[in-house]
Amino acid sequence: MANLKQTVYDLLKGKFLVDEDAPKNWTMLIFLAILALIMIASAHSVDNKVQKIATLNKKKRELRSEFVATRSELMKLKMESSITKKLAEKGLYISENPPKKIKVKQ
């Protein structure tokens, strides 16, 4: 029990950093610090990418709704009734007689 108490006390004092095998401990601590920095940088990078994806998804939804609205407007403009109204404004009307096919014989 006393040995365990002494070991915890030495650990809290930081005696492992100044012992004769301290360079091994320092290299491990530096390695762990570098890994922690890499992990933090990676987390920031992931956060930035998630925010960019959210922004792009929002923009995609807006463009999709604009596309649907434009397509429905185009369908209304292509309807025969709307074309007839536009032509009537310019003085053109639908013929009452159906068109006839002209055949050229040589």
PDB file of N, CA and C in Angstrom:
ATOM      1  N   MET A   1       0.813  -1.190   0.000  1.00  0.00           N
ATOM      2  CA  MET A   1       0.000   0.000   0.000  1.00  0.00           C
ATOM      3  C   MET A   1       0.863   1.263   0.000  1.00  0.00           C
ATOM      4  N   ALA A   2       1.963   1.187   0.790  1.00  0.00           N
ATOM      5  CA  ALA A   2       2.852   2.343   0.864  1.00  0.00           C
ATOM      6  C   ALA A   2       3.565   2.547  -0.472  1.00  0.00           C
ATOM      7  N   ASN A   3       3.876   1.438  -1.179  1.00  0.00           N
ATOM      8  CA  ASN A   3       4.545   1.517  -2.481  1.00  0.00           C
ATOM      9  C   ASN A   3       3.627   2.185  -3.502  1.00  0.00           C
ATOM     10  N   LEU A   4       2.364   1.850  -3.489  1.00  0.00           N
ATOM     11  CA  LEU A   4       1.399   2.450  -4.399  1.00  0.00           C
ATOM     12  C   LEU A   4       1.237   3.936  -4.095  1.00  0.00           C
ATOM     13  N   LYS A   5       1.204   4.268  -2.838  1.00  0.00           N
ATOM     14  CA  LYS A   5       1.081   5.658  -2.416  1.00  0.00           C
ATOM     15  C   LYS A   5       2.296   6.465  -2.884  1.00  0.00           C
ATOM     16  N   GLN A   6       3.499   5.877  -2.759  1.00  0.00           N
ATOM     17  CA  GLN A   6       4.734   6.548  -3.195  1.00  0.00           C
ATOM     18  C   GLN A   6       4.735   6.723  -4.718  1.00  0.00           C
ATOM     19  N   THR A   7       4.255   5.714  -5.443  1.00  0.00           N
ATOM     20  CA  THR A   7       4.212   5.789  -6.907  1.00  0.00           C
ATOM     21  C   THR A   7       3.275   6.900  -7.355  1.00  0.00           C
ATOM     22  N   VAL A   8       2.106   7.013  -6.759  1.00  0.00           N
ATOM     23  CA  VAL A   8       1.154   8.078  -7.103  1.00  0.00           C
ATOM     24  C   VAL A   8       1.750   9.432  -6.749  1.00  0.00           C
ATOM     25  N   TYR A   9       2.414   9.532  -5.614  1.00  0.00           N
ATOM     26  CA  TYR A   9       3.035  10.783  -5.192  1.00  0.00           C
ATOM     27  C   TYR A   9       4.133  11.200  -6.177  1.00  0.00           C
ATOM     28  N   ASP A  10       4.965  10.256  -6.605  1.00  0.00           N
ATOM     29  CA  ASP A  10       6.019  10.544  -7.586  1.00  0.00           C
ATOM     30  C   ASP A  10       5.425  10.971  -8.928  1.00  0.00           C
ATOM     31  N   LEU A  11       4.329  10.349  -9.305  1.00  0.00           N
ATOM     32  CA  LEU A  11       3.672  10.697 -10.564  1.00  0.00           C
ATOM     33  C   LEU A  11       3.123  12.120 -10.512  1.00  0.00           C
ATOM     34  N   LEU A  12       2.509  12.482  -9.371  1.00  0.00           N
ATOM     35  CA  LEU A  12       1.961  13.826  -9.221  1.00  0.00           C
ATOM     36  C   LEU A  12       3.057  14.887  -9.161  1.00  0.00           C
ATOM     37  N   LYS A  13       4.192  14.549  -8.592  1.00  0.00           N
ATOM     38  CA  LYS A  13       5.308  15.499  -8.535  1.00  0.00           C
ATOM     39  C   LYS A  13       5.989  15.657  -9.882  1.00  0.00           C
ATOM     40  N   GLY A  14       5.792  14.704 -10.783  1.00  0.00           N
ATOM     41  CA  GLY A  14       6.433  14.781 -12.089  1.00  0.00           C
ATOM     42  C   GLY A  14       7.841  14.245 -12.077  1.00  0.00           C
ATOM     43  N   LYS A  15       8.108  13.343 -11.184  1.00  0.00           N
ATOM     44  CA  LYS A  15       9.451  12.786 -11.045  1.00  0.00           C
ATOM     45  C   LYS A  15       9.856  11.993 -12.293  1.00  0.00           C
ATOM     46  N   PHE A  16       8.862  11.483 -13.030  1.00  0.00           N
ATOM     47  CA  PHE A  16       9.171  10.691 -14.230  1.00  0.00           C
ATOM     48  C   PHE A  16       9.761  11.560 -15.344  1.00  0.00           C
ATOM     49  N   LEU A  17       9.663  12.876 -15.215  1.00  0.00           N
ATOM     50  CA  LEU A  17      10.208  13.771 -16.244  1.00  0.00           C
ATOM     51  C   LEU A  17      11.674  14.132 -15.997  1.00  0.00           C
ATOM     52  N   VAL A  18      12.178  13.839 -14.806  1.00  0.00           N
ATOM     53  CA  VAL A  18      13.554  14.213 -14.487  1.00  0.00           C
ATOM     54  C   VAL A  18      14.414  13.012 -14.103  1.00  0.00           C
ATOM     55  N   ASP A  19      13.886  11.820 -14.197  1.00  0.00           N
ATOM     56  CA  ASP A  19      14.667  10.613 -13.875  1.00  0.00           C
ATOM     57  C   ASP A  19      15.716  10.362 -14.957  1.00  0.00           C
ATOM     58  N   GLU A  20      16.463   9.266 -14.777  1.00  0.00           N
ATOM     59  CA  GLU A  20      17.514   8.939 -15.751  1.00  0.00           C
ATOM     60  C   GLU A  20      16.933   8.459 -17.082  1.00  0.00           C
ATOM     61  N   ASP A  21      15.735   7.878 -17.102  1.00  0.00           N
ATOM     62  CA  ASP A  21      15.122   7.459 -18.366  1.00  0.00           C
ATOM     63  C   ASP A  21      14.074   8.478 -18.837  1.00  0.00           C
ATOM     64  N   ALA A  22      14.275   9.758 -18.480  1.00  0.00           N
ATOM     65  CA  ALA A  22      13.357  10.836 -18.842  1.00  0.00           C
ATOM     66  C   ALA A  22      13.289  11.091 -20.352  1.00  0.00           C
ATOM     67  N   PRO A  23      14.392  10.985 -21.129  1.00  0.00           N
ATOM     68  CA  PRO A  23      14.271  11.235 -22.577  1.00  0.00           C
ATOM     69  C   PRO A  23      13.237  10.330 -23.252  1.00  0.00           C
ATOM     70  N   LYS A  24      13.127   9.108 -22.787  1.00  0.00           N
ATOM     71  CA  LYS A  24      12.122   8.206 -23.346  1.00  0.00           C
ATOM     72  C   LYS A  24      10.719   8.738 -23.044  1.00  0.00           C
ATOM     73  N   ASN A  25      10.537   9.240 -21.823  1.00  0.00           N
ATOM     74  CA  ASN A  25       9.237   9.796 -21.438  1.00  0.00           C
ATOM     75  C   ASN A  25       8.922  11.079 -22.216  1.00  0.00           C
ATOM     76  N   TRP A  26       9.956  11.916 -22.398  1.00  0.00           N
ATOM     77  CA  TRP A  26       9.747  13.166 -23.130  1.00  0.00           C
ATOM     78  C   TRP A  26       9.376  12.899 -24.582  1.00  0.00           C
ATOM     79  N   THR A  27      10.043  11.934 -25.204  1.00  0.00           N
ATOM     80  CA  THR A  27       9.699  11.635 -26.601  1.00  0.00           C
ATOM     81  C   THR A  27       8.258  11.140 -26.708  1.00  0.00           C
ATOM     82  N   MET A  28       7.837  10.348 -25.744  1.00  0.00           N
ATOM     83  CA  MET A  28       6.455   9.866 -25.763  1.00  0.00           C
ATOM     84  C   MET A  28       5.485  11.022 -25.568  1.00  0.00           C
ATOM     85  N   LEU A  29       5.787  11.947 -24.652  1.00  0.00           N
ATOM     86  CA  LEU A  29       4.921  13.102 -24.417  1.00  0.00           C
ATOM     87  C   LEU A  29       4.853  14.010 -25.648  1.00  0.00           C
ATOM     88  N   ILE A  30       5.989  14.213 -26.303  1.00  0.00           N
ATOM     89  CA  ILE A  30       6.004  15.037 -27.517  1.00  0.00           C
ATOM     90  C   ILE A  30       5.191  14.359 -28.618  1.00  0.00           C
ATOM     91  N   PHE A  31       5.352  13.053 -28.740  1.00  0.00           N
ATOM     92  CA  PHE A  31       4.581  12.295 -29.729  1.00  0.00           C
ATOM     93  C   PHE A  31       3.076  12.421 -29.462  1.00  0.00           C
ATOM     94  N   LEU A  32       2.681  12.290 -28.207  1.00  0.00           N
ATOM     95  CA  LEU A  32       1.265  12.417 -27.856  1.00  0.00           C
ATOM     96  C   LEU A  32       0.745  13.839 -28.090  1.00  0.00           C
ATOM     97  N   ALA A  33       1.591  14.843 -27.827  1.00  0.00           N
ATOM     98  CA  ALA A  33       1.192  16.230 -28.072  1.00  0.00           C
ATOM     99  C   ALA A  33       0.973  16.472 -29.565  1.00  0.00           C
ATOM    100  N   ILE A  34       1.871  15.916 -30.392  1.00  0.00           N
ATOM    101  CA  ILE A  34       1.726  16.059 -31.851  1.00  0.00           C
ATOM    102  C   ILE A  34       0.451  15.365 -32.326  1.00  0.00           C
ATOM    103  N   LEU A  35       0.188  14.184 -31.792  1.00  0.00           N
ATOM    104  CA  LEU A  35      -1.054  13.483 -32.154  1.00  0.00           C
ATOM    105  C   LEU A  35      -2.288  14.287 -31.751  1.00  0.00           C
ATOM    106  N   ALA A  36      -2.233  14.923 -30.576  1.00  0.00           N
ATOM    107  CA  ALA A  36      -3.370  15.741 -30.126  1.00  0.00           C
ATOM    108  C   ALA A  36      -3.577  16.930 -31.060  1.00  0.00           C
ATOM    109  N   LEU A  37      -2.477  17.567 -31.493  1.00  0.00           N
ATOM    110  CA  LEU A  37      -2.595  18.698 -32.426  1.00  0.00           C
ATOM    111  C   LEU A  37      -3.180  18.253 -33.771  1.00  0.00           C
ATOM    112  N   ILE A  38      -2.737  17.103 -34.248  1.00  0.00           N
ATOM    113  CA  ILE A  38      -3.276  16.577 -35.502  1.00  0.00           C
ATOM    114  C   ILE A  38      -4.767  16.283 -35.355  1.00  0.00           C
ATOM    115  N   MET A  39      -5.156  15.730 -34.227  1.00  0.00           N
ATOM    116  CA  MET A  39      -6.564  15.421 -33.986  1.00  0.00           C
ATOM    117  C   MET A  39      -7.415  16.701 -33.937  1.00  0.00           C
ATOM    118  N   ILE A  40      -6.913  17.736 -33.304  1.00  0.00           N
ATOM    119  CA  ILE A  40      -7.635  19.008 -33.220  1.00  0.00           C
ATOM    120  C   ILE A  40      -7.769  19.633 -34.608  1.00  0.00           C
ATOM    121  N   ALA A  41      -6.682  19.622 -35.380  1.00  0.00           N
ATOM    122  CA  ALA A  41      -6.729  20.175 -36.741  1.00  0.00           C
ATOM    123  C   ALA A  41      -7.707  19.390 -37.607  1.00  0.00           C
ATOM    124  N   SER A  42      -7.711  18.084 -37.451  1.00  0.00           N
ATOM    125  CA  SER A  42      -8.638  17.250 -38.212  1.00  0.00           C
ATOM    126  C   SER A  42     -10.089  17.550 -37.842  1.00  0.00           C
ATOM    127  N   ALA A  43     -10.350  17.746 -36.571  1.00  0.00           N
ATOM    128  CA  ALA A  43     -11.709  18.067 -36.129  1.00  0.00           C
ATOM    129  C   ALA A  43     -12.176  19.403 -36.702  1.00  0.00           C
ATOM    130  N   HIS A  44     -11.282  20.398 -36.728  1.00  0.00           N
ATOM    131  CA  HIS A  44     -11.633  21.690 -37.315  1.00  0.00           C
ATOM    132  C   HIS A  44     -11.902  21.548 -38.809  1.00  0.00           C
ATOM    133  N   SER A  45     -11.096  20.762 -39.464  1.00  0.00           N
ATOM    134  CA  SER A  45     -11.287  20.544 -40.896  1.00  0.00           C
ATOM    135  C   SER A  45     -12.631  19.880 -41.177  1.00  0.00           C
ATOM    136  N   VAL A  46     -12.983  18.900 -40.369  1.00  0.00           N
ATOM    137  CA  VAL A  46     -14.277  18.219 -40.535  1.00  0.00           C
ATOM    138  C   VAL A  46     -15.423  19.192 -40.294  1.00  0.00           C
ATOM    139  N   ASP A  47     -15.307  20.046 -39.268  1.00  0.00           N
ATOM    140  CA  ASP A  47     -16.355  21.027 -38.999  1.00  0.00           C
ATOM    141  C   ASP A  47     -16.545  21.971 -40.185  1.00  0.00           C
ATOM    142  N   ASN A  48     -15.429  22.440 -40.761  1.00  0.00           N
ATOM    143  CA  ASN A  48     -15.521  23.325 -41.920  1.00  0.00           C
ATOM    144  C   ASN A  48     -16.194  22.627 -43.097  1.00  0.00           C
ATOM    145  N   LYS A  49     -15.853  21.363 -43.312  1.00  0.00           N
ATOM    146  CA  LYS A  49     -16.457  20.625 -44.420  1.00  0.00           C
ATOM    147  C   LYS A  49     -17.944  20.393 -44.202  1.00  0.00           C
ATOM    148  N   VAL A  50     -18.341  20.121 -42.964  1.00  0.00           N
ATOM    149  CA  VAL A  50     -19.763  19.918 -42.661  1.00  0.00           C
ATOM    150  C   VAL A  50     -20.538  21.209 -42.911  1.00  0.00           C
ATOM    151  N   GLN A  51     -19.973  22.342 -42.512  1.00  0.00           N
ATOM    152  CA  GLN A  51     -20.638  23.623 -42.749  1.00  0.00           C
ATOM    153  C   GLN A  51     -20.744  23.909 -44.246  1.00  0.00           C
ATOM    154  N   LYS A  52     -19.705  23.603 -44.990  1.00  0.00           N
ATOM    155  CA  LYS A  52     -19.734  23.826 -46.435  1.00  0.00           C
ATOM    156  C   LYS A  52     -20.782  22.926 -47.098  1.00  0.00           C
ATOM    157  N   ILE A  53     -20.869  21.682 -46.658  1.00  0.00           N
ATOM    158  CA  ILE A  53     -21.866  20.755 -47.206  1.00  0.00           C
ATOM    159  C   ILE A  53     -23.269  21.265 -46.912  1.00  0.00           C
ATOM    160  N   ALA A  54     -23.500  21.769 -45.708  1.00  0.00           N
ATOM    161  CA  ALA A  54     -24.823  22.303 -45.350  1.00  0.00           C
ATOM    162  C   ALA A  54     -25.176  23.501 -46.221  1.00  0.00           C
ATOM    163  N   THR A  55     -24.198  24.375 -46.456  1.00  0.00           N
ATOM    164  CA  THR A  55     -24.440  25.541 -47.314  1.00  0.00           C
ATOM    165  C   THR A  55     -24.749  25.110 -48.738  1.00  0.00           C
ATOM    166  N   LEU A  56     -24.001  24.147 -49.254  1.00  0.00           N
ATOM    167  CA  LEU A  56     -24.233  23.679 -50.615  1.00  0.00           C
ATOM    168  C   LEU A  56     -25.584  22.973 -50.747  1.00  0.00           C
ATOM    169  N   ASN A  57     -25.994  22.225 -49.723  1.00  0.00           N
ATOM    170  CA  ASN A  57     -27.307  21.579 -49.759  1.00  0.00           C
ATOM    171  C   ASN A  57     -28.433  22.611 -49.769  1.00  0.00           C
ATOM    172  N   LYS A  58     -28.267  23.671 -48.990  1.00  0.00           N
ATOM    173  CA  LYS A  58     -29.273  24.734 -48.978  1.00  0.00           C
ATOM    174  C   LYS A  58     -29.363  25.390 -50.347  1.00  0.00           C
ATOM    175  N   LYS A  59     -28.209  25.677 -50.944  1.00  0.00           N
ATOM    176  CA  LYS A  59     -28.186  26.298 -52.271  1.00  0.00           C
ATOM    177  C   LYS A  59     -28.807  25.358 -53.311  1.00  0.00           C
ATOM    178  N   LYS A  60     -28.536  24.056 -53.165  1.00  0.00           N
ATOM    179  CA  LYS A  60     -29.105  23.075 -54.096  1.00  0.00           C
ATOM    180  C   LYS A  60     -30.625  23.060 -54.009  1.00  0.00           C
ATOM    181  N   ARG A  61     -31.146  23.105 -52.800  1.00  0.00           N
ATOM    182  CA  ARG A  61     -32.608  23.122 -52.631  1.00  0.00           C
ATOM    183  C   ARG A  61     -33.214  24.379 -53.253  1.00  0.00           C
ATOM    184  N   GLU A  62     -32.554  25.532 -53.076  1.00  0.00           N
ATOM    185  CA  GLU A  62     -33.050  26.774 -53.663  1.00  0.00           C
ATOM    186  C   GLU A  62     -33.043  26.697 -55.185  1.00  0.00           C
ATOM    187  N   LEU A  63     -31.956  26.188 -55.754  1.00  0.00           N
ATOM    188  CA  LEU A  63     -31.873  26.067 -57.208  1.00  0.00           C
ATOM    189  C   LEU A  63     -32.891  25.076 -57.743  1.00  0.00           C
ATOM    190  N   ARG A  64     -33.140  24.012 -57.002  1.00  0.00           N
ATOM    191  CA  ARG A  64     -34.131  23.016 -57.421  1.00  0.00           C
ATOM    192  C   ARG A  64     -35.531  23.631 -57.450  1.00  0.00           C
ATOM    193  N   SER A  65     -35.873  24.401 -56.422  1.00  0.00           N
ATOM    194  CA  SER A  65     -37.190  25.023 -56.398  1.00  0.00           C
ATOM    195  C   SER A  65     -37.317  26.066 -57.514  1.00  0.00           C
ATOM    196  N   GLU A  66     -36.233  26.794 -57.791  1.00  0.00           N
ATOM    197  CA  GLU A  66     -36.252  27.753 -58.897  1.00  0.00           C
ATOM    198  C   GLU A  66     -36.434  27.022 -60.230  1.00  0.00           C
ATOM    199  N   PHE A  67     -35.772  25.877 -60.376  1.00  0.00           N
ATOM    200  CA  PHE A  67     -35.907  25.085 -61.597  1.00  0.00           C
ATOM    201  C   PHE A  67     -37.344  24.610 -61.790  1.00  0.00           C
ATOM    202  N   VAL A  68     -37.961  24.122 -60.723  1.00  0.00           N
ATOM    203  CA  VAL A  68     -39.340  23.624 -60.808  1.00  0.00           C
ATOM    204  C   VAL A  68     -40.292  24.764 -61.165  1.00  0.00           C
ATOM    205  N   ALA A  69     -40.095  25.934 -60.550  1.00  0.00           N
ATOM    206  CA  ALA A  69     -40.954  27.084 -60.848  1.00  0.00           C
ATOM    207  C   ALA A  69     -40.800  27.521 -62.298  1.00  0.00           C
ATOM    208  N   THR A  70     -39.569  27.560 -62.788  1.00  0.00           N
ATOM    209  CA  THR A  70     -39.322  27.962 -64.173  1.00  0.00           C
ATOM    210  C   THR A  70     -39.902  26.947 -65.144  1.00  0.00           C
ATOM    211  N   ARG A  71     -39.770  25.671 -64.820  1.00  0.00           N
ATOM    212  CA  ARG A  71     -40.300  24.632 -65.694  1.00  0.00           C
ATOM    213  C   ARG A  71     -41.825  24.698 -65.769  1.00  0.00           C
ATOM    214  N   SER A  72     -42.486  24.939 -64.637  1.00  0.00           N
ATOM    215  CA  SER A  72     -43.949  25.032 -64.663  1.00  0.00           C
ATOM    216  C   SER A  72     -44.404  26.270 -65.439  1.00  0.00           C
ATOM    217  N   GLU A  73     -43.666  27.367 -65.300  1.00  0.00           N
ATOM    218  CA  GLU A  73     -43.990  28.568 -66.075  1.00  0.00           C
ATOM    219  C   GLU A  73     -43.821  28.311 -67.574  1.00  0.00           C
ATOM    220  N   LEU A  74     -42.780  27.605 -67.936  1.00  0.00           N
ATOM    221  CA  LEU A  74     -42.559  27.269 -69.346  1.00  0.00           C
ATOM    222  C   LEU A  74     -43.677  26.379 -69.871  1.00  0.00           C
ATOM    223  N   MET A  75     -44.136  25.418 -69.061  1.00  0.00           N
ATOM    224  CA  MET A  75     -45.224  24.543 -69.487  1.00  0.00           C
ATOM    225  C   MET A  75     -46.499  25.357 -69.738  1.00  0.00           C
ATOM    226  N   LYS A  76     -46.758  26.366 -68.886  1.00  0.00           N
ATOM    227  CA  LYS A  76     -47.925  27.223 -69.093  1.00  0.00           C
ATOM    228  C   LYS A  76     -47.783  28.031 -70.380  1.00  0.00           C
ATOM    229  N   LEU A  77     -46.581  28.518 -70.663  1.00  0.00           N
ATOM    230  CA  LEU A  77     -46.361  29.310 -71.876  1.00  0.00           C
ATOM    231  C   LEU A  77     -46.484  28.460 -73.139  1.00  0.00           C
ATOM    232  N   LYS A  78     -46.181  27.170 -73.049  1.00  0.00           N
ATOM    233  CA  LYS A  78     -46.236  26.292 -74.224  1.00  0.00           C
ATOM    234  C   LYS A  78     -47.639  25.768 -74.504  1.00  0.00           C
ATOM    235  N   MET A  79     -48.582  26.024 -73.603  1.00  0.00           N
ATOM    236  CA  MET A  79     -49.945  25.547 -73.821  1.00  0.00           C
ATOM    237  C   MET A  79     -50.569  26.278 -75.015  1.00  0.00           C
ATOM    238  N   GLU A  80     -51.414  25.568 -75.738  1.00  0.00           N
ATOM    239  CA  GLU A  80     -52.020  26.119 -76.958  1.00  0.00           C
ATOM    240  C   GLU A  80     -52.853  27.355 -76.646  1.00  0.00           C
ATOM    241  N   SER A  81     -53.556  27.360 -75.525  1.00  0.00           N
ATOM    242  CA  SER A  81     -54.411  28.503 -75.188  1.00  0.00           C
ATOM    243  C   SER A  81     -53.593  29.777 -74.977  1.00  0.00           C
ATOM    244  N   SER A  82     -52.440  29.650 -74.298  1.00  0.00           N
ATOM    245  CA  SER A  82     -51.625  30.850 -74.072  1.00  0.00           C
ATOM    246  C   SER A  82     -50.981  31.330 -75.367  1.00  0.00           C
ATOM    247  N   ILE A  83     -50.618  30.399 -76.238  1.00  0.00           N
ATOM    248  CA  ILE A  83     -50.050  30.787 -77.533  1.00  0.00           C
ATOM    249  C   ILE A  83     -51.107  31.509 -78.366  1.00  0.00           C
ATOM    250  N   THR A  84     -52.353  31.004 -78.340  1.00  0.00           N
ATOM    251  CA  THR A  84     -53.435  31.636 -79.101  1.00  0.00           C
ATOM    252  C   THR A  84     -53.688  33.049 -78.594  1.00  0.00           C
ATOM    253  N   LYS A  85     -53.673  33.242 -77.284  1.00  0.00           N
ATOM    254  CA  LYS A  85     -53.881  34.579 -76.734  1.00  0.00           C
ATOM    255  C   LYS A  85     -52.779  35.528 -77.182  1.00  0.00           C
ATOM    256  N   LYS A  86     -51.541  35.073 -77.155  1.00  0.00           N
ATOM    257  CA  LYS A  86     -50.414  35.927 -77.565  1.00  0.00           C
ATOM    258  C   LYS A  86     -50.525  36.294 -79.045  1.00  0.00           C
ATOM    259  N   LEU A  87     -50.918  35.312 -79.862  1.00  0.00           N
ATOM    260  CA  LEU A  87     -51.046  35.590 -81.291  1.00  0.00           C
ATOM    261  C   LEU A  87     -52.245  36.484 -81.568  1.00  0.00           C
ATOM    262  N   ALA A  88     -53.314  36.360 -80.785  1.00  0.00           N
ATOM    263  CA  ALA A  88     -54.491  37.210 -80.964  1.00  0.00           C
ATOM    264  C   ALA A  88     -54.147  38.663 -80.680  1.00  0.00           C
ATOM    265  N   GLU A  89     -53.245  38.902 -79.738  1.00  0.00           N
ATOM    266  CA  GLU A  89     -52.810  40.269 -79.445  1.00  0.00           C
ATOM    267  C   GLU A  89     -52.089  40.887 -80.644  1.00  0.00           C
ATOM    268  N   LYS A  90     -51.448  40.047 -81.452  1.00  0.00           N
ATOM    269  CA  LYS A  90     -50.712  40.539 -82.619  1.00  0.00           C
ATOM    270  C   LYS A  90     -51.560  40.500 -83.887  1.00  0.00           C
ATOM    271  N   GLY A  91     -52.807  40.058 -83.767  1.00  0.00           N
ATOM    272  CA  GLY A  91     -53.705  40.060 -84.913  1.00  0.00           C
ATOM    273  C   GLY A  91     -53.712  38.755 -85.692  1.00  0.00           C
ATOM    274  N   LEU A  92     -53.142  37.699 -85.196  1.00  0.00           N
ATOM    275  CA  LEU A  92     -53.137  36.400 -85.875  1.00  0.00           C
ATOM    276  C   LEU A  92     -54.147  35.486 -85.192  1.00  0.00           C
ATOM    277  N   TYR A  93     -54.898  34.751 -85.993  1.00  0.00           N
ATOM    278  CA  TYR A  93     -55.901  33.841 -85.443  1.00  0.00           C
ATOM    279  C   TYR A  93     -55.722  32.459 -86.035  1.00  0.00           C
ATOM    280  N   ILE A  94     -56.328  31.470 -85.389  1.00  0.00           N
ATOM    281  CA  ILE A  94     -56.255  30.093 -85.867  1.00  0.00           C
ATOM    282  C   ILE A  94     -57.173  29.960 -87.077  1.00  0.00           C
ATOM    283  N   SER A  95     -56.682  29.270 -88.073  1.00  0.00           N
ATOM    284  CA  SER A  95     -57.466  29.059 -89.291  1.00  0.00           C
ATOM    285  C   SER A  95     -58.634  28.127 -89.006  1.00  0.00           C
ATOM    286  N   GLU A  96     -59.770  28.427 -89.638  1.00  0.00           N
ATOM    287  CA  GLU A  96     -60.942  27.576 -89.459  1.00  0.00           C
ATOM    288  C   GLU A  96     -60.880  26.362 -90.377  1.00  0.00           C
ATOM    289  N   ASN A  97     -60.171  26.496 -91.492  1.00  0.00           N
ATOM    290  CA  ASN A  97     -60.000  25.377 -92.421  1.00  0.00           C
ATOM    291  C   ASN A  97     -58.700  24.671 -92.092  1.00  0.00           C
ATOM    292  N   PRO A  98     -58.727  23.362 -92.015  1.00  0.00           N
ATOM    293  CA  PRO A  98     -57.488  22.657 -91.722  1.00  0.00           C
ATOM    294  C   PRO A  98     -56.493  22.786 -92.870  1.00  0.00           C
ATOM    295  N   PRO A  99     -55.221  22.705 -92.596  1.00  0.00           N
ATOM    296  CA  PRO A  99     -54.227  22.811 -93.680  1.00  0.00           C
ATOM    297  C   PRO A  99     -54.292  21.610 -94.603  1.00  0.00           C
ATOM    298  N   LYS A 100     -53.912  21.835 -95.865  1.00  0.00           N
ATOM    299  CA  LYS A 100     -53.894  20.767 -96.867  1.00  0.00           C
ATOM    300  C   LYS A 100     -52.459  20.489 -97.272  1.00  0.00           C
ATOM    301  N   LYS A 101     -52.208  19.261 -97.522  1.00  0.00           N
ATOM    302  CA  LYS A 101     -50.867  18.842 -97.925  1.00  0.00           C
ATOM    303  C   LYS A 101     -50.702  19.072 -99.427  1.00  0.00           C
ATOM    304  N   ILE A 102     -49.610  19.698 -99.797  1.00  0.00           N
ATOM    305  CA  ILE A 102     -49.316  19.951-101.206  1.00  0.00           C
ATOM    306  C   ILE A 102     -48.319  18.924-101.669  1.00  0.00           C
ATOM    307  N   LYS A 103     -48.673  18.231-102.756  1.00  0.00           N
ATOM    308  CA  LYS A 103     -47.764  17.225-103.313  1.00  0.00           C
ATOM    309  C   LYS A 103     -47.237  17.754-104.647  1.00  0.00           C
ATOM    310  N   VAL A 104     -45.954  17.668-104.801  1.00  0.00           N
ATOM    311  CA  VAL A 104     -45.314  18.098-106.050  1.00  0.00           C
ATOM    312  C   VAL A 104     -44.950  16.853-106.844  1.00  0.00           C
ATOM    313  N   LYS A 105     -45.437  16.784-108.075  1.00  0.00           N
ATOM    314  CA  LYS A 105     -45.127  15.647-108.937  1.00  0.00           C
ATOM    315  C   LYS A 105     -44.137  16.113-109.998  1.00  0.00           C
ATOM    316  N   GLN A 106     -43.176  15.313-110.252  1.00  0.00           N
ATOM    317  CA  GLN A 106     -42.168  15.680-111.247  1.00  0.00           C
ATOM    318  C   GLN A 106     -42.343  14.894-112.512  1.00  0.00           C
TER     319      GLN A 106
END
